[in-house]
Amino acid sequence: MYKEILQHIDNIQVWPVISFVIFFMFFLFLLLWAFTVDRNFIREMSELPLEDGTHSTQPSKTSSL
């Protein structure tokens, strides 16, 4: 029943292609961002959940990426 209904919709074959292109472009953008992002930004964001709101003047003991 559903197959017959979907076959009568005009240009239904283009929607899977559009979905794939959006999916591919999104992950391509994320991959590009992951390789071009500043490593200091990644380190700061990874340490953010561990901070208690006070600023320390001591250097970080974590190794650099």
PDB file of N, CA and C in Angstrom:
ATOM      1  N   MET A   1       0.819  -1.186   0.000  1.00  0.00           N
ATOM      2  CA  MET A   1       0.000   0.000   0.000  1.00  0.00           C
ATOM      3  C   MET A   1       0.871   1.261   0.000  1.00  0.00           C
ATOM      4  N   TYR A   2       1.829   1.335   0.921  1.00  0.00           N
ATOM      5  CA  TYR A   2       2.686   2.520   0.996  1.00  0.00           C
ATOM      6  C   TYR A   2       3.544   2.653  -0.252  1.00  0.00           C
ATOM      7  N   LYS A   3       3.975   1.513  -0.788  1.00  0.00           N
ATOM      8  CA  LYS A   3       4.800   1.537  -1.988  1.00  0.00           C
ATOM      9  C   LYS A   3       4.039   2.149  -3.158  1.00  0.00           C
ATOM     10  N   GLU A   4       2.790   1.834  -3.275  1.00  0.00           N
ATOM     11  CA  GLU A   4       1.969   2.389  -4.358  1.00  0.00           C
ATOM     12  C   GLU A   4       1.752   3.893  -4.180  1.00  0.00           C
ATOM     13  N   ILE A   5       1.576   4.321  -2.952  1.00  0.00           N
ATOM     14  CA  ILE A   5       1.371   5.749  -2.683  1.00  0.00           C
ATOM     15  C   ILE A   5       2.645   6.526  -2.997  1.00  0.00           C
ATOM     16  N   LEU A   6       3.781   6.000  -2.576  1.00  0.00           N
ATOM     17  CA  LEU A   6       5.042   6.687  -2.813  1.00  0.00           C
ATOM     18  C   LEU A   6       5.408   6.727  -4.301  1.00  0.00           C
ATOM     19  N   GLN A   7       5.002   5.743  -5.053  1.00  0.00           N
ATOM     20  CA  GLN A   7       5.310   5.728  -6.478  1.00  0.00           C
ATOM     21  C   GLN A   7       4.564   6.818  -7.232  1.00  0.00           C
ATOM     22  N   HIS A   8       3.450   7.286  -6.716  1.00  0.00           N
ATOM     23  CA  HIS A   8       2.653   8.300  -7.391  1.00  0.00           C
ATOM     24  C   HIS A   8       3.053   9.732  -7.031  1.00  0.00           C
ATOM     25  N   ILE A   9       3.992   9.903  -6.137  1.00  0.00           N
ATOM     26  CA  ILE A   9       4.464  11.239  -5.779  1.00  0.00           C
ATOM     27  C   ILE A   9       5.478  11.678  -6.826  1.00  0.00           C
ATOM     28  N   ASP A  10       5.289  12.876  -7.373  1.00  0.00           N
ATOM     29  CA  ASP A  10       6.203  13.389  -8.387  1.00  0.00           C
ATOM     30  C   ASP A  10       7.564  13.699  -7.777  1.00  0.00           C
ATOM     31  N   ASN A  11       8.610  13.353  -8.483  1.00  0.00           N
ATOM     32  CA  ASN A  11      10.001  13.629  -8.111  1.00  0.00           C
ATOM     33  C   ASN A  11      10.388  13.059  -6.750  1.00  0.00           C
ATOM     34  N   ILE A  12       9.852  11.923  -6.378  1.00  0.00           N
ATOM     35  CA  ILE A  12      10.189  11.307  -5.090  1.00  0.00           C
ATOM     36  C   ILE A  12      11.621  10.786  -5.098  1.00  0.00           C
ATOM     37  N   GLN A  13      12.175  10.471  -6.259  1.00  0.00           N
ATOM     38  CA  GLN A  13      13.514   9.900  -6.331  1.00  0.00           C
ATOM     39  C   GLN A  13      14.608  10.907  -5.990  1.00  0.00           C
ATOM     40  N   VAL A  14      14.304  12.194  -5.973  1.00  0.00           N
ATOM     41  CA  VAL A  14      15.325  13.199  -5.690  1.00  0.00           C
ATOM     42  C   VAL A  14      15.583  13.359  -4.185  1.00  0.00           C
ATOM     43  N   TRP A  15      14.646  13.019  -3.344  1.00  0.00           N
ATOM     44  CA  TRP A  15      14.794  13.225  -1.905  1.00  0.00           C
ATOM     45  C   TRP A  15      15.900  12.392  -1.263  1.00  0.00           C
ATOM     46  N   PRO A  16      16.085  11.128  -1.624  1.00  0.00           N
ATOM     47  CA  PRO A  16      17.226  10.392  -1.052  1.00  0.00           C
ATOM     48  C   PRO A  16      18.569  11.008  -1.451  1.00  0.00           C
ATOM     49  N   VAL A  17      18.665  11.531  -2.654  1.00  0.00           N
ATOM     50  CA  VAL A  17      19.901  12.165  -3.106  1.00  0.00           C
ATOM     51  C   VAL A  17      20.160  13.441  -2.308  1.00  0.00           C
ATOM     52  N   ILE A  18      19.139  14.240  -2.105  1.00  0.00           N
ATOM     53  CA  ILE A  18      19.280  15.469  -1.319  1.00  0.00           C
ATOM     54  C   ILE A  18      19.677  15.138   0.113  1.00  0.00           C
ATOM     55  N   SER A  19      19.080  14.119   0.694  1.00  0.00           N
ATOM     56  CA  SER A  19      19.414  13.707   2.065  1.00  0.00           C
ATOM     57  C   SER A  19      20.870  13.280   2.166  1.00  0.00           C
ATOM     58  N   PHE A  20      21.326  12.506   1.189  1.00  0.00           N
ATOM     59  CA  PHE A  20      22.710  12.053   1.204  1.00  0.00           C
ATOM     60  C   PHE A  20      23.676  13.221   1.066  1.00  0.00           C
ATOM     61  N   VAL A  21      23.373  14.166   0.199  1.00  0.00           N
ATOM     62  CA  VAL A  21      24.248  15.323   0.002  1.00  0.00           C
ATOM     63  C   VAL A  21      24.339  16.152   1.287  1.00  0.00           C
ATOM     64  N   ILE A  22      23.225  16.372   1.959  1.00  0.00           N
ATOM     65  CA  ILE A  22      23.238  17.122   3.221  1.00  0.00           C
ATOM     66  C   ILE A  22      24.053  16.365   4.270  1.00  0.00           C
ATOM     67  N   PHE A  23      23.841  15.067   4.384  1.00  0.00           N
ATOM     68  CA  PHE A  23      24.576  14.228   5.328  1.00  0.00           C
ATOM     69  C   PHE A  23      26.071  14.280   5.035  1.00  0.00           C
ATOM     70  N   PHE A  24      26.463  14.121   3.778  1.00  0.00           N
ATOM     71  CA  PHE A  24      27.869  14.111   3.387  1.00  0.00           C
ATOM     72  C   PHE A  24      28.521  15.463   3.629  1.00  0.00           C
ATOM     73  N   MET A  25      27.853  16.546   3.294  1.00  0.00           N
ATOM     74  CA  MET A  25      28.413  17.882   3.485  1.00  0.00           C
ATOM     75  C   MET A  25      28.582  18.209   4.970  1.00  0.00           C
ATOM     76  N   PHE A  26      27.645  17.790   5.803  1.00  0.00           N
ATOM     77  CA  PHE A  26      27.743  18.026   7.238  1.00  0.00           C
ATOM     78  C   PHE A  26      28.985  17.363   7.822  1.00  0.00           C
ATOM     79  N   PHE A  27      29.200  16.093   7.508  1.00  0.00           N
ATOM     80  CA  PHE A  27      30.350  15.390   8.057  1.00  0.00           C
ATOM     81  C   PHE A  27      31.654  15.818   7.396  1.00  0.00           C
ATOM     82  N   LEU A  28      31.609  16.256   6.167  1.00  0.00           N
ATOM     83  CA  LEU A  28      32.790  16.819   5.530  1.00  0.00           C
ATOM     84  C   LEU A  28      33.189  18.124   6.215  1.00  0.00           C
ATOM     85  N   PHE A  29      32.200  18.943   6.545  1.00  0.00           N
ATOM     86  CA  PHE A  29      32.462  20.176   7.291  1.00  0.00           C
ATOM     87  C   PHE A  29      33.049  19.879   8.666  1.00  0.00           C
ATOM     88  N   LEU A  30      32.500  18.902   9.376  1.00  0.00           N
ATOM     89  CA  LEU A  30      33.028  18.545  10.696  1.00  0.00           C
ATOM     90  C   LEU A  30      34.452  18.019  10.606  1.00  0.00           C
ATOM     91  N   LEU A  31      34.747  17.241   9.586  1.00  0.00           N
ATOM     92  CA  LEU A  31      36.100  16.732   9.396  1.00  0.00           C
ATOM     93  C   LEU A  31      37.059  17.879   9.109  1.00  0.00           C
ATOM     94  N   LEU A  32      36.669  18.797   8.262  1.00  0.00           N
ATOM     95  CA  LEU A  32      37.493  19.961   7.955  1.00  0.00           C
ATOM     96  C   LEU A  32      37.720  20.805   9.213  1.00  0.00           C
ATOM     97  N   TRP A  33      36.678  21.020   9.990  1.00  0.00           N
ATOM     98  CA  TRP A  33      36.803  21.798  11.229  1.00  0.00           C
ATOM     99  C   TRP A  33      37.747  21.101  12.214  1.00  0.00           C
ATOM    100  N   ALA A  34      37.636  19.775  12.323  1.00  0.00           N
ATOM    101  CA  ALA A  34      38.469  19.031  13.275  1.00  0.00           C
ATOM    102  C   ALA A  34      39.946  19.149  12.943  1.00  0.00           C
ATOM    103  N   PHE A  35      40.290  19.232  11.658  1.00  0.00           N
ATOM    104  CA  PHE A  35      41.694  19.337  11.275  1.00  0.00           C
ATOM    105  C   PHE A  35      42.221  20.761  11.306  1.00  0.00           C
ATOM    106  N   THR A  36      41.351  21.749  11.304  1.00  0.00           N
ATOM    107  CA  THR A  36      41.810  23.130  11.255  1.00  0.00           C
ATOM    108  C   THR A  36      41.635  23.895  12.569  1.00  0.00           C
ATOM    109  N   VAL A  37      40.980  23.309  13.542  1.00  0.00           N
ATOM    110  CA  VAL A  37      40.731  24.008  14.802  1.00  0.00           C
ATOM    111  C   VAL A  37      42.038  24.161  15.589  1.00  0.00           C
ATOM    112  N   ASP A  38      42.140  25.234  16.341  1.00  0.00           N
ATOM    113  CA  ASP A  38      43.316  25.515  17.149  1.00  0.00           C
ATOM    114  C   ASP A  38      43.407  24.513  18.304  1.00  0.00           C
ATOM    115  N   ARG A  39      44.558  23.939  18.496  1.00  0.00           N
ATOM    116  CA  ARG A  39      44.733  22.932  19.554  1.00  0.00           C
ATOM    117  C   ARG A  39      44.561  23.525  20.946  1.00  0.00           C
ATOM    118  N   ASN A  40      44.899  24.789  21.122  1.00  0.00           N
ATOM    119  CA  ASN A  40      44.690  25.437  22.420  1.00  0.00           C
ATOM    120  C   ASN A  40      43.203  25.519  22.752  1.00  0.00           C
ATOM    121  N   PHE A  41      42.375  25.763  21.742  1.00  0.00           N
ATOM    122  CA  PHE A  41      40.923  25.799  21.948  1.00  0.00           C
ATOM    123  C   PHE A  41      40.417  24.433  22.403  1.00  0.00           C
ATOM    124  N   ILE A  42      40.904  23.372  21.775  1.00  0.00           N
ATOM    125  CA  ILE A  42      40.491  22.016  22.150  1.00  0.00           C
ATOM    126  C   ILE A  42      40.909  21.719  23.591  1.00  0.00           C
ATOM    127  N   ARG A  43      42.127  22.110  23.958  1.00  0.00           N
ATOM    128  CA  ARG A  43      42.596  21.878  25.325  1.00  0.00           C
ATOM    129  C   ARG A  43      41.749  22.651  26.330  1.00  0.00           C
ATOM    130  N   GLU A  44      41.462  23.919  26.038  1.00  0.00           N
ATOM    131  CA  GLU A  44      40.645  24.728  26.942  1.00  0.00           C
ATOM    132  C   GLU A  44      39.249  24.135  27.106  1.00  0.00           C
ATOM    133  N   MET A  45      38.662  23.678  26.019  1.00  0.00           N
ATOM    134  CA  MET A  45      37.319  23.091  26.098  1.00  0.00           C
ATOM    135  C   MET A  45      37.328  21.762  26.843  1.00  0.00           C
ATOM    136  N   SER A  46      38.410  20.989  26.712  1.00  0.00           N
ATOM    137  CA  SER A  46      38.466  19.706  27.420  1.00  0.00           C
ATOM    138  C   SER A  46      38.670  19.894  28.913  1.00  0.00           C
ATOM    139  N   GLU A  47      39.312  20.986  29.311  1.00  0.00           N
ATOM    140  CA  GLU A  47      39.538  21.253  30.737  1.00  0.00           C
ATOM    141  C   GLU A  47      38.375  22.001  31.373  1.00  0.00           C
ATOM    142  N   LEU A  48      37.477  22.518  30.607  1.00  0.00           N
ATOM    143  CA  LEU A  48      36.376  23.323  31.111  1.00  0.00           C
ATOM    144  C   LEU A  48      35.513  22.603  32.156  1.00  0.00           C
ATOM    145  N   PRO A  49      35.140  21.343  31.943  1.00  0.00           N
ATOM    146  CA  PRO A  49      34.313  20.679  32.963  1.00  0.00           C
ATOM    147  C   PRO A  49      35.040  20.449  34.286  1.00  0.00           C
ATOM    148  N   LEU A  50      36.363  20.514  34.289  1.00  0.00           N
ATOM    149  CA  LEU A  50      37.128  20.252  35.508  1.00  0.00           C
ATOM    150  C   LEU A  50      37.358  21.498  36.339  1.00  0.00           C
ATOM    151  N   GLU A  51      37.092  22.666  35.781  1.00  0.00           N
ATOM    152  CA  GLU A  51      37.309  23.907  36.507  1.00  0.00           C
ATOM    153  C   GLU A  51      36.192  24.133  37.524  1.00  0.00           C
ATOM    154  N   ASP A  52      36.576  24.748  38.662  1.00  0.00           N
ATOM    155  CA  ASP A  52      35.588  25.016  39.697  1.00  0.00           C
ATOM    156  C   ASP A  52      35.223  26.495  39.772  1.00  0.00           C
ATOM    157  N   GLY A  53      35.663  27.271  38.807  1.00  0.00           N
ATOM    158  CA  GLY A  53      35.310  28.676  38.773  1.00  0.00           C
ATOM    159  C   GLY A  53      36.410  29.587  39.269  1.00  0.00           C
ATOM    160  N   THR A  54      37.457  29.032  39.868  1.00  0.00           N
ATOM    161  CA  THR A  54      38.580  29.848  40.329  1.00  0.00           C
ATOM    162  C   THR A  54      39.674  29.800  39.277  1.00  0.00           C
ATOM    163  N   HIS A  55      40.410  30.893  39.164  1.00  0.00           N
ATOM    164  CA  HIS A  55      41.497  30.956  38.203  1.00  0.00           C
ATOM    165  C   HIS A  55      42.809  30.644  38.911  1.00  0.00           C
ATOM    166  N   SER A  56      43.545  29.728  38.362  1.00  0.00           N
ATOM    167  CA  SER A  56      44.822  29.333  38.946  1.00  0.00           C
ATOM    168  C   SER A  56      45.953  30.037  38.209  1.00  0.00           C
ATOM    169  N   THR A  57      46.984  30.423  38.960  1.00  0.00           N
ATOM    170  CA  THR A  57      48.150  31.067  38.337  1.00  0.00           C
ATOM    171  C   THR A  57      49.244  30.067  38.072  1.00  0.00           C
ATOM    172  N   GLN A  58      49.056  28.814  38.498  1.00  0.00           N
ATOM    173  CA  GLN A  58      50.047  27.778  38.262  1.00  0.00           C
ATOM    174  C   GLN A  58      49.899  27.240  36.852  1.00  0.00           C
ATOM    175  N   PRO A  59      51.004  26.894  36.198  1.00  0.00           N
ATOM    176  CA  PRO A  59      50.906  26.333  34.850  1.00  0.00           C
ATOM    177  C   PRO A  59      50.229  24.973  34.885  1.00  0.00           C
ATOM    178  N   SER A  60      49.592  24.663  33.792  1.00  0.00           N
ATOM    179  CA  SER A  60      48.880  23.400  33.693  1.00  0.00           C
ATOM    180  C   SER A  60      49.877  22.240  33.659  1.00  0.00           C
ATOM    181  N   LYS A  61      49.523  21.125  34.300  1.00  0.00           N
ATOM    182  CA  LYS A  61      50.411  19.967  34.326  1.00  0.00           C
ATOM    183  C   LYS A  61      50.091  18.993  33.211  1.00  0.00           C
ATOM    184  N   THR A  62      49.130  19.312  32.385  1.00  0.00           N
ATOM    185  CA  THR A  62      48.795  18.414  31.274  1.00  0.00           C
ATOM    186  C   THR A  62      49.775  18.625  30.145  1.00  0.00           C
ATOM    187  N   SER A  63      50.020  17.586  29.403  1.00  0.00           N
ATOM    188  CA  SER A  63      50.935  17.699  28.269  1.00  0.00           C
ATOM    189  C   SER A  63      50.209  18.356  27.100  1.00  0.00           C
ATOM    190  N   SER A  64      50.962  19.013  26.259  1.00  0.00           N
ATOM    191  CA  SER A  64      50.352  19.680  25.114  1.00  0.00           C
ATOM    192  C   SER A  64      50.027  18.656  24.050  1.00  0.00           C
ATOM    193  N   LEU A  65      49.010  18.964  23.255  1.00  0.00           N
ATOM    194  CA  LEU A  65      48.576  18.039  22.207  1.00  0.00           C
ATOM    195  C   LEU A  65      49.548  18.077  21.111  1.00  0.00           C
TER     196      LEU A  65
END
